[in-house]
Structures are given as C-alpha cells and as structure tokens.
C-alpha cells in the first residue's frame, strides 16, 4: 500500500478514537507504529520552519515539516472526526457496554504491546510507571476546575489545549476529559453543525497545546526514551478502569448547562451489574468485542510500517 494512503488510514483511526470518550488517538498512533514520528513532526512546526524555507524554498520546507506524512495523517483525522461524530454519539447512547468492551480490549492489548517494546527493564522505571498511573487517575477529577475560568471563550481555548495534549498521550482520552469538563456535547455538536466560532476557539487552544506539549514529549523521548515509554504505559494502564463496561456512576456534578459530569465510578462484576440495572449484562457479546479489540491491536502492531524504536529527531 502507498505510504501516504497507509498514513491516511492511520489518521482516520486516530480521528475515530478521538471522537469517542474512553480511547486516545495517541493509542492508535502508538499501535500503528507512527507515534514517535508524529511527535517529532509536530515539534518541527515552529520558528525553525522559516529558516528551512529561506534555505531550501518550498521543497526544503516540505522536508522540514515532513508534509508527506503530516498532511495525509491530518486529512484522515479530519474526515474521520467529521464522519464519526454522529456515529460516536449514537453508539454511546445505544450500545455503551459493547463499545466499552471493544475499547477495553483494545487498550489492554496496547498496554501489552508497550510493555514488551523495551528489552531491558530497570527497577527505577517503577517511578515513571506509577506517575503515569496516578496522573491518569487524577486528571478526570481535575477537569471540572477548568470551568472556573468563567469566560466561555476562555474555557473553550483552555479545554482545547488540555484535550489535544491528552490526545497525544496513549491511554488518555481527550474526549473523556472533555466529558468530565462538561464540554463533550458542545464540541461534538459544533463539529456536526460546523459552528465556526466554537470550532475556532477550541481549535486555537488545540494549536497552542500541540505546539507546547509536542515539544515536551519530543524532549522526553529524546533524552529519557525508555523512562518516557514507562510513563506512557502508566497512562495506558490507568485508563483501563474508565473503560470497564460494568460500572456504576457514584459521584458526579452538574455542568453550567445542567449536564452530568462524571467524577467517580464503582466497578462491578457482570452479575452485580445485571442486578443493578435489572437486565442483561451482555457478558458474551462484551467479551467477544474485548477479544476483537485486542486482536485488532495485535494485528495492527504486527503490520506497523515504522518500528516504534526508530527515532525521527
């Protein structure tokens, strides 16, 4: 398959993941072998691009910005986001258990893949691993604080910066963080209705977040590569409870428009969940989709075009 077309489909997978609360586009990027190239490419968008253009013209700029990679990737993300926005809301409302089951299997297999990347493991790697776990646990409960910014435009900008930064982290769902901010419906509706004001404010925050956070990640990967992978593994493992299908919301708060913002869950066995809802826990269907999600990750990982260990910068 042509590389640009393959990158386009990987971008489409990232966009689909980012549209659904619970999974990150960064997870798809990691599994498909483009994660580090993505981080290093985003980092190139800065003052250095002007120098590349002065020295090499458009050809030099294209090479500096890795446009052959980033343009088809962004096209895939954008088309997928616009098309999946409707489907994501419908699946969340109609088949929440099945959707969570699929993503639980996908993310669990991703943790396995990340955990086997490194051949040599050091005892002190426990520190970044635990840090990733704790941050993944704490982030959702901190997100409602963003609403204290007060100004609606300011909230959208800050939310965009936080959400896009989360989307760059495997295991941390930017859409789920938007949900905990009470802004998921607002952003998805803006995308569906092509509301340029909301999209512009949110997009400007995303741009700021991308520029800053990609540089931090690129620096960490270049200077502390293996420890950073352990940090990312902690994020991935810490996101798994949020995707456990059989759970009960035990703590929430109301957003500015009366929407429910989830803060804490109680995790149940399928039998306990069936008693709670007075219906079927759809055990076998959920397990089948967990296995399907895991199998998809292992397949994508095997067919990944670019080895994750290859550094682009």
Protein backbone atom coordinates (compact mmCIF):
# COMPACT_ATOMS: atom_id res chain seq x y z
CA UNK A 1 0.00 0.00 0.00
CA UNK A 2 1.19 3.52 -0.83
CA UNK A 3 2.73 5.11 2.31
CA UNK A 4 0.57 8.24 2.11
CA UNK A 5 -2.58 6.14 1.83
CA UNK A 6 -1.49 3.98 4.75
CA UNK A 7 -0.83 7.11 6.84
CA UNK A 8 -4.26 8.47 5.83
CA UNK A 9 -5.98 5.35 7.19
CA UNK A 10 -3.94 5.53 10.39
CA UNK A 11 -5.08 9.14 10.76
CA UNK A 12 -8.66 8.01 10.20
CA UNK A 13 -8.23 5.52 13.02
CA UNK A 14 -6.86 8.26 15.28
CA UNK A 15 -9.79 10.55 14.44
CA UNK A 16 -12.31 7.81 15.15
CA UNK A 17 -10.66 7.11 18.52
CA UNK A 18 -10.55 10.79 19.45
CA UNK A 19 -14.28 11.17 18.75
CA UNK A 20 -15.23 8.59 21.39
CA UNK A 21 -14.70 9.14 25.14
CA UNK A 22 -12.50 6.39 26.51
CA UNK A 23 -9.70 5.98 24.00
CA UNK A 24 -6.97 8.25 22.68
CA UNK A 25 -5.77 8.86 19.15
CA UNK A 26 -2.29 8.56 20.64
CA UNK A 27 -3.07 4.92 21.40
CA UNK A 28 -3.80 4.26 17.72
CA UNK A 29 -0.66 6.16 16.69
CA UNK A 30 1.45 4.02 19.01
CA UNK A 31 -0.07 0.71 17.93
CA UNK A 32 0.31 1.53 14.23
CA UNK A 33 3.97 2.49 14.66
CA UNK A 34 3.80 6.22 13.92
CA UNK A 35 3.78 7.67 17.45
CA UNK A 36 7.33 8.98 17.69
CA UNK A 37 7.32 10.25 14.09
CA UNK A 38 4.11 12.11 14.89
CA UNK A 39 5.58 13.78 18.00
CA UNK A 40 8.81 14.78 16.29
CA UNK A 41 6.94 16.06 13.22
CA UNK A 42 4.61 18.29 15.25
CA UNK A 43 7.65 19.68 17.04
CA UNK A 44 9.04 20.89 13.70
CA UNK A 45 6.21 23.44 13.33
CA UNK A 46 7.88 26.49 14.81
CA UNK A 47 10.42 29.24 14.08
CA UNK A 48 12.80 26.72 12.50
CA UNK A 49 10.36 26.28 9.61
CA UNK A 50 11.10 29.82 8.42
CA UNK A 51 14.81 29.07 8.26
CA UNK A 52 14.14 25.86 6.32
CA UNK A 53 12.07 27.82 3.81
CA UNK A 54 14.74 30.51 3.43
CA UNK A 55 17.42 27.90 2.77
CA UNK A 56 15.57 25.35 0.67
CA UNK A 57 12.40 27.00 -0.54
CA UNK A 58 9.15 25.05 -0.59
CA UNK A 59 10.99 21.76 -1.07
CA UNK A 60 13.13 22.41 1.99
CA UNK A 61 10.08 23.46 4.00
CA UNK A 62 8.21 20.32 2.95
CA UNK A 63 11.07 18.11 4.14
CA UNK A 64 11.48 20.07 7.39
CA UNK A 65 7.78 19.78 8.25
CA UNK A 66 7.53 16.18 6.97
CA UNK A 67 4.45 17.20 4.96
CA UNK A 68 4.37 13.87 3.11
CA UNK A 69 3.49 12.36 6.49
CA UNK A 70 1.50 15.00 8.34
CA UNK A 71 -0.86 16.11 5.55
CA UNK A 72 -2.40 12.68 4.79
CA UNK A 73 -2.50 11.99 8.54
CA UNK A 74 -4.42 15.21 9.27
CA UNK A 75 -6.74 14.55 6.32
CA UNK A 76 -7.58 11.14 7.77
CA UNK A 77 -8.14 12.60 11.26
CA UNK A 78 -10.38 15.42 9.97
CA UNK A 79 -12.53 13.26 7.69
CA UNK A 80 -12.92 10.62 10.38
CA UNK A 81 -13.84 13.17 13.06
CA UNK A 82 -16.50 14.76 10.85
CA UNK A 83 -17.99 11.42 9.86
CA UNK A 84 -17.67 9.62 13.20
CA UNK A 85 -19.09 12.49 15.29
CA UNK A 86 -22.64 11.33 14.54
CA UNK A 87 -21.85 7.62 14.88
CA UNK A 88 -19.97 8.07 18.17
CA UNK A 89 -22.91 9.72 19.93
CA UNK A 90 -25.30 7.05 18.64
CA UNK A 91 -23.06 4.16 19.74
CA UNK A 92 -22.54 5.70 23.19
CA UNK A 93 -26.30 6.03 23.68
CA UNK A 94 -27.39 2.73 22.10
CA UNK A 95 -24.58 0.25 22.82
CA UNK A 96 -22.47 1.59 25.72
CA UNK A 97 -21.47 -1.84 27.09
CA UNK A 98 -20.38 -3.17 23.72
CA UNK A 99 -18.44 -0.02 22.87
CA UNK A 100 -16.66 -0.04 26.24
CA UNK A 101 -15.88 -3.74 25.85
CA UNK A 102 -14.27 -3.22 22.46
CA UNK A 103 -12.14 -0.33 23.68
CA UNK A 104 -11.21 -2.13 26.92
CA UNK A 105 -9.74 -4.99 24.88
CA UNK A 106 -8.02 -2.57 22.53
CA UNK A 107 -6.37 -0.55 25.30
CA UNK A 108 -5.44 -3.63 27.36
CA UNK A 109 -3.65 -5.11 24.34
CA UNK A 110 -1.95 -1.75 23.74
CA UNK A 111 -0.56 -1.88 27.29
CA UNK A 112 0.82 -5.33 26.49
CA UNK A 113 2.42 -4.03 23.29
CA UNK A 114 4.02 -1.03 25.03
CA UNK A 115 5.20 -3.21 27.89
CA UNK A 116 7.08 -5.51 25.52
CA UNK A 117 8.80 -2.77 23.49
CA UNK A 118 11.73 -2.46 25.88
CA UNK A 119 14.15 -5.35 26.11
CA UNK A 120 15.90 -4.11 29.24
CA UNK A 121 13.87 -3.04 32.25
CA UNK A 122 15.35 -1.15 35.22
CA UNK A 123 13.98 -1.06 38.74
CA UNK A 124 13.70 2.74 38.82
CA UNK A 125 11.28 2.61 35.86
CA UNK A 126 8.67 1.90 38.54
CA UNK A 127 8.72 5.64 39.30
CA UNK A 128 7.52 6.92 35.87
CA UNK A 129 5.15 3.95 35.62
CA UNK A 130 3.46 4.84 38.92
CA UNK A 131 3.48 8.55 38.00
CA UNK A 132 1.60 7.75 34.79
CA UNK A 133 -0.90 5.63 36.72
CA UNK A 134 -1.55 8.37 39.27
CA UNK A 135 -1.90 11.12 36.67
CA UNK A 136 -4.33 9.03 34.61
CA UNK A 137 -6.42 8.52 37.74
CA UNK A 138 -6.28 12.17 38.86
CA UNK A 139 -6.80 14.01 35.56
CA UNK A 140 -10.55 13.39 35.09
CA UNK A 141 -11.39 14.63 38.60
CA UNK A 142 -9.38 17.82 37.98
CA UNK A 143 -11.03 18.70 34.67
CA UNK A 144 -14.16 20.41 36.11
CA UNK A 145 -11.80 23.04 37.57
CA UNK A 146 -11.34 24.36 34.02
CA UNK A 147 -14.91 25.66 34.17
CA UNK A 148 -13.72 28.10 36.85
CA UNK A 149 -12.06 30.11 34.08
CA UNK A 150 -15.52 31.65 33.84
CA UNK A 151 -15.39 33.20 30.38
CA UNK A 152 -16.94 30.81 27.86
CA UNK A 153 -14.39 31.60 25.16
CA UNK A 154 -11.52 31.15 27.62
CA UNK A 155 -12.93 27.81 28.77
CA UNK A 156 -13.05 26.54 25.17
CA UNK A 157 -9.46 27.62 24.49
CA UNK A 158 -8.11 26.01 27.68
CA UNK A 159 -10.21 22.89 27.07
CA UNK A 160 -8.79 22.59 23.56
CA UNK A 161 -5.21 22.84 24.82
CA UNK A 162 -5.82 20.19 27.51
CA UNK A 163 -7.80 17.83 25.27
CA UNK A 164 -5.29 17.88 22.41
CA UNK A 165 -2.42 17.31 24.85
CA UNK A 166 -4.28 14.29 26.22
CA UNK A 167 -4.90 13.01 22.70
CA UNK A 168 -1.13 12.88 22.19
CA UNK A 169 -0.82 10.52 25.18
CA UNK A 170 -1.61 6.84 24.60
CA UNK A 171 -4.33 5.80 27.02
CA UNK A 172 -5.56 9.28 27.96
CA UNK A 173 -8.77 10.10 26.13
CA UNK A 174 -9.13 13.76 25.22
CA UNK A 175 -12.82 13.14 24.55
CA UNK A 176 -13.27 11.64 28.02
CA UNK A 177 -11.60 14.67 29.57
CA UNK A 178 -13.98 16.86 27.58
CA UNK A 179 -16.81 14.77 29.01
CA UNK A 180 -15.57 15.39 32.56
CA UNK A 181 -15.37 19.11 31.74
CA UNK A 182 -18.98 19.01 30.57
CA UNK A 183 -17.90 20.14 27.09
CA UNK A 184 -18.01 16.93 25.05
CA UNK A 185 -21.55 17.56 23.79
CA UNK A 186 -20.75 21.20 23.00
CA UNK A 187 -17.69 20.33 20.91
CA UNK A 188 -19.32 17.37 19.12
CA UNK A 189 -22.39 19.44 18.29
CA UNK A 190 -20.16 22.23 16.94
CA UNK A 191 -18.38 19.72 14.71
CA UNK A 192 -21.66 18.25 13.47
CA UNK A 193 -23.19 21.69 12.81
CA UNK A 194 -19.91 23.25 11.61
CA UNK A 195 -20.11 26.05 14.19
CA UNK A 196 -17.05 28.10 13.17
CA UNK A 197 -17.00 30.20 16.36
CA UNK A 198 -16.81 27.25 18.74
CA UNK A 199 -14.52 25.29 16.40
CA UNK A 200 -12.23 28.33 16.06
CA UNK A 201 -11.90 28.88 19.82
CA UNK A 202 -11.44 25.21 20.57
CA UNK A 203 -9.05 24.84 17.61
CA UNK A 204 -6.87 27.75 18.76
CA UNK A 205 -6.46 26.04 22.12
CA UNK A 206 -5.60 22.79 20.34
CA UNK A 207 -2.92 24.61 18.35
CA UNK A 208 -1.32 26.05 21.48
CA UNK A 209 -1.47 22.68 23.23
CA UNK A 210 0.09 20.91 20.24
CA UNK A 211 2.98 23.36 19.99
CA UNK A 212 3.85 23.21 23.68
CA UNK A 213 3.11 19.60 24.60
CA UNK A 214 4.69 18.06 21.49
CA UNK A 215 7.95 19.81 22.34
CA UNK A 216 7.85 18.45 25.89
CA UNK A 217 7.15 14.92 24.67
CA UNK A 218 9.84 15.14 21.98
CA UNK A 219 12.38 16.28 24.58
CA UNK A 220 11.40 13.46 26.94
CA UNK A 221 11.58 10.83 24.18
CA UNK A 222 14.98 12.08 23.04
CA UNK A 223 16.57 12.46 26.48
CA UNK A 224 14.74 9.79 28.51
CA UNK A 225 13.29 7.45 25.90
CA UNK A 226 12.78 4.27 27.91
CA UNK A 227 11.53 6.03 31.05
CA UNK A 228 9.06 8.01 28.92
CA UNK A 229 7.70 4.77 27.49
CA UNK A 230 7.10 3.59 31.06
CA UNK A 231 5.27 6.84 31.80
CA UNK A 232 3.08 6.27 28.73
CA UNK A 233 2.48 2.68 29.84
CA UNK A 234 1.28 4.04 33.19
CA UNK A 235 -1.17 6.34 31.39
CA UNK A 236 -2.49 3.43 29.35
CA UNK A 237 -2.94 1.13 32.34
CA UNK A 238 -4.51 3.94 34.36
CA UNK A 239 -7.15 4.48 31.69
CA UNK A 240 -8.42 0.89 31.78
CA UNK A 241 -10.84 1.31 34.74
CA UNK A 242 -12.66 4.10 32.87
CA UNK A 243 -13.37 1.60 30.07
CA UNK A 244 -14.58 -1.24 32.29
CA UNK A 245 -18.08 -1.87 30.87
CA UNK A 246 -19.82 -2.91 34.10
CA UNK A 247 -19.62 0.17 36.31
CA UNK A 248 -21.92 2.42 38.32
CA UNK A 249 -21.62 6.19 38.48
CA UNK A 250 -21.41 7.08 42.18
CA UNK A 251 -20.29 10.71 42.10
CA UNK A 252 -20.97 13.48 39.65
CA UNK A 253 -21.58 17.19 39.40
CA UNK A 254 -23.75 19.30 37.13
CA UNK A 255 -22.15 21.48 34.48
CA UNK A 256 -23.15 25.05 33.64
CA UNK A 257 -25.85 23.82 31.25
CA UNK A 258 -27.19 21.17 33.64
CA UNK A 259 -25.28 18.30 32.04
CA UNK A 260 -24.00 15.48 34.24
CA UNK A 261 -20.20 15.43 34.66
CA UNK A 262 -18.93 12.01 35.89
CA UNK A 263 -16.39 12.12 38.72
CA UNK A 264 -16.19 8.62 40.17
CA UNK A 265 -17.41 5.09 39.40
CA UNK A 266 -17.91 1.83 41.28
CA UNK A 267 -16.64 -1.13 39.27
CA UNK A 268 -18.83 -4.24 39.29
CA UNK A 269 -18.88 -7.86 38.20
CA UNK A 270 -21.25 -8.60 35.31
CA UNK A 271 -23.65 -10.38 37.66
CA UNK A 272 -23.72 -7.38 40.01
CA UNK A 273 -24.31 -5.03 37.09
CA UNK A 274 -27.21 -7.16 35.84
CA UNK A 275 -28.85 -6.93 39.27
CA UNK A 276 -28.23 -3.18 39.38
CA UNK A 277 -29.92 -2.46 36.05
CA UNK A 278 -32.44 -5.27 36.26
CA UNK A 279 -31.43 -6.54 32.83
CA UNK A 280 -28.77 -8.32 30.81
CA UNK A 281 -25.08 -7.54 31.28
CA UNK A 282 -24.45 -8.78 27.70
CA UNK A 283 -21.46 -10.75 29.00
CA UNK A 284 -20.64 -12.89 25.97
CA UNK A 285 -21.11 -10.08 23.47
CA UNK A 286 -18.88 -7.78 25.54
CA UNK A 287 -16.18 -10.46 25.92
CA UNK A 288 -16.29 -11.15 22.18
CA UNK A 289 -15.73 -7.46 21.46
CA UNK A 290 -12.95 -7.27 24.06
CA UNK A 291 -11.18 -10.07 22.18
CA UNK A 292 -11.88 -8.36 18.85
CA UNK A 293 -10.33 -5.12 20.13
CA UNK A 294 -7.27 -6.95 21.42
CA UNK A 295 -6.89 -8.89 18.16
CA UNK A 296 -7.11 -5.67 16.15
CA UNK A 297 -4.26 -4.12 18.17
CA UNK A 298 -2.05 -7.17 17.76
CA UNK A 299 -2.77 -7.23 14.02
CA UNK A 300 -2.03 -3.52 13.59
CA UNK A 301 1.11 -3.84 15.69
CA UNK A 302 2.37 -6.70 13.53
CA UNK A 303 1.70 -4.78 10.32
CA UNK A 304 3.06 -1.45 11.61
CA UNK A 305 5.14 0.10 8.85
CA UNK A 306 7.52 2.04 11.12
CA UNK A 307 9.23 0.41 14.13
CA UNK A 308 8.43 2.27 17.32
CA UNK A 309 12.05 2.24 18.35
CA UNK A 310 13.04 4.35 15.33
CA UNK A 311 13.65 7.96 16.32
CA UNK A 312 12.83 10.69 13.88
CA UNK A 313 14.70 13.56 15.50
